[in-house]
Amino acid sequence: MTNNTIDLHANMFLHTMFRQRGWANPSQVPVETEISGPALLESLQIPSDQVGAIFVNGKAYRAEEAVIHPGDRVALFSPSAPMFVFLSFRDHSYSLGS
């Protein structure tokens, strides 16, 4: 991974979306400067309602709260991921390791 990319992983339904689009999973995605979660999804043409959380370097965020920098490890999770039955993203971010 170079300094101007992110390491992007897709999980659950999004993994299927990546495969249907012929994208590697994980993918190296060019990111020149800081980018918001919604801007990343827009650049990938992924509808925001298809993403339940964006993990950035092991910490989960709602898409609208995620901030991504070149060199980050990023994972996209579908809203149907089992963990979202138990987690509320209303006012919190959650760390699942680093």
Protein backbone atom coordinates (compact mmCIF):
# COMPACT_ATOMS: atom_id res chain seq x y z
CA MET A 1 0.00 0.00 0.00
CA THR A 2 1.34 3.42 -0.92
CA ASN A 3 0.86 6.60 1.08
CA ASN A 4 -1.86 7.81 -1.29
CA THR A 5 -4.16 4.80 -0.98
CA ILE A 6 -6.39 3.15 1.57
CA ASP A 7 -6.71 -0.57 2.16
CA LEU A 8 -10.46 -1.09 1.60
CA HIS A 9 -12.30 -4.25 2.68
CA ALA A 10 -15.96 -5.03 1.99
CA ASN A 11 -18.00 -7.33 4.21
CA MET A 12 -21.37 -9.05 4.05
CA PHE A 13 -23.52 -7.90 1.07
CA LEU A 14 -20.88 -5.36 0.10
CA HIS A 15 -18.41 -8.19 -0.54
CA THR A 16 -20.87 -9.50 -3.11
CA MET A 17 -21.19 -6.02 -4.62
CA PHE A 18 -17.39 -5.78 -4.99
CA ARG A 19 -17.28 -9.20 -6.66
CA GLN A 20 -20.12 -8.28 -9.06
CA ARG A 21 -18.23 -5.12 -10.04
CA GLY A 22 -15.01 -7.09 -10.59
CA TRP A 23 -13.21 -5.31 -7.74
CA ALA A 24 -10.58 -6.99 -5.59
CA ASN A 25 -11.39 -7.41 -1.91
CA PRO A 26 -9.43 -5.95 -0.30
CA SER A 27 -8.78 -3.15 -2.77
CA GLN A 28 -6.16 -0.43 -2.81
CA VAL A 29 -8.16 2.75 -3.38
CA PRO A 30 -6.46 6.05 -4.25
CA VAL A 31 -7.06 8.73 -1.61
CA GLU A 32 -4.93 11.85 -1.99
CA THR A 33 -6.17 13.75 1.08
CA GLU A 34 -8.61 13.40 3.97
CA ILE A 35 -12.03 12.25 2.77
CA SER A 36 -15.35 11.86 4.57
CA GLY A 37 -17.27 8.60 4.70
CA PRO A 38 -20.06 9.94 2.47
CA ALA A 39 -17.51 11.25 -0.06
CA LEU A 40 -15.78 7.86 -0.17
CA LEU A 41 -19.07 6.06 -0.75
CA GLU A 42 -20.01 8.55 -3.46
CA SER A 43 -16.65 8.08 -5.20
CA LEU A 44 -17.23 4.31 -5.16
CA GLN A 45 -20.85 4.70 -6.27
CA ILE A 46 -22.07 2.79 -3.23
CA PRO A 47 -25.47 3.96 -1.94
CA SER A 48 -25.19 5.13 1.67
CA ASP A 49 -28.16 2.98 2.70
CA GLN A 50 -26.08 -0.10 1.78
CA VAL A 51 -23.49 0.69 4.49
CA GLY A 52 -24.22 0.13 8.18
CA ALA A 53 -20.79 1.19 9.41
CA ILE A 54 -17.38 2.19 8.20
CA PHE A 55 -14.47 0.86 10.22
CA VAL A 56 -11.36 3.04 10.10
CA ASN A 57 -8.25 1.45 11.58
CA GLY A 58 -10.39 -0.89 13.71
CA LYS A 59 -12.87 1.70 15.00
CA ALA A 60 -16.49 1.71 13.80
CA TYR A 61 -18.31 4.85 12.72
CA ARG A 62 -21.57 5.75 11.09
CA ALA A 63 -20.78 6.67 7.48
CA GLU A 64 -21.51 10.36 8.05
CA GLU A 65 -19.01 10.48 10.94
CA ALA A 66 -16.13 8.60 9.32
CA VAL A 67 -13.01 10.52 8.34
CA ILE A 68 -10.48 8.64 6.23
CA HIS A 69 -6.86 9.52 5.53
CA PRO A 70 -4.34 8.12 3.06
CA GLY A 71 -2.78 4.97 4.55
CA ASP A 72 -5.85 4.02 6.62
CA ARG A 73 -7.34 0.52 6.80
CA VAL A 74 -11.04 0.83 6.00
CA ALA A 75 -13.82 -1.76 6.07
CA LEU A 76 -17.39 -1.32 4.88
CA PHE A 77 -20.12 -3.33 6.61
CA SER A 78 -23.67 -3.87 5.40
CA PRO A 79 -26.45 -2.73 7.72
CA SER A 80 -27.50 -6.39 7.95
CA ALA A 81 -24.27 -7.40 9.73
CA PRO A 82 -25.28 -9.34 12.88
CA MET A 83 -23.35 -7.01 15.18
CA PHE A 84 -25.72 -4.13 14.37
CA VAL A 85 -28.54 -5.93 16.16
CA PHE A 86 -26.62 -5.25 19.39
CA LEU A 87 -24.82 -1.98 18.68
CA SER A 88 -26.38 1.45 18.48
CA PHE A 89 -24.54 3.98 16.36
CA ARG A 90 -26.78 6.84 17.45
CA ASP A 91 -24.20 8.67 19.58
CA HIS A 92 -21.13 6.48 19.71
CA SER A 93 -18.23 5.00 17.85
CA TYR A 94 -16.91 1.59 18.85
CA SER A 95 -13.42 0.21 18.83
CA LEU A 96 -13.05 -3.45 17.94
CA GLY A 97 -9.31 -3.64 18.28
CA SER A 98 -6.45 -1.98 16.52
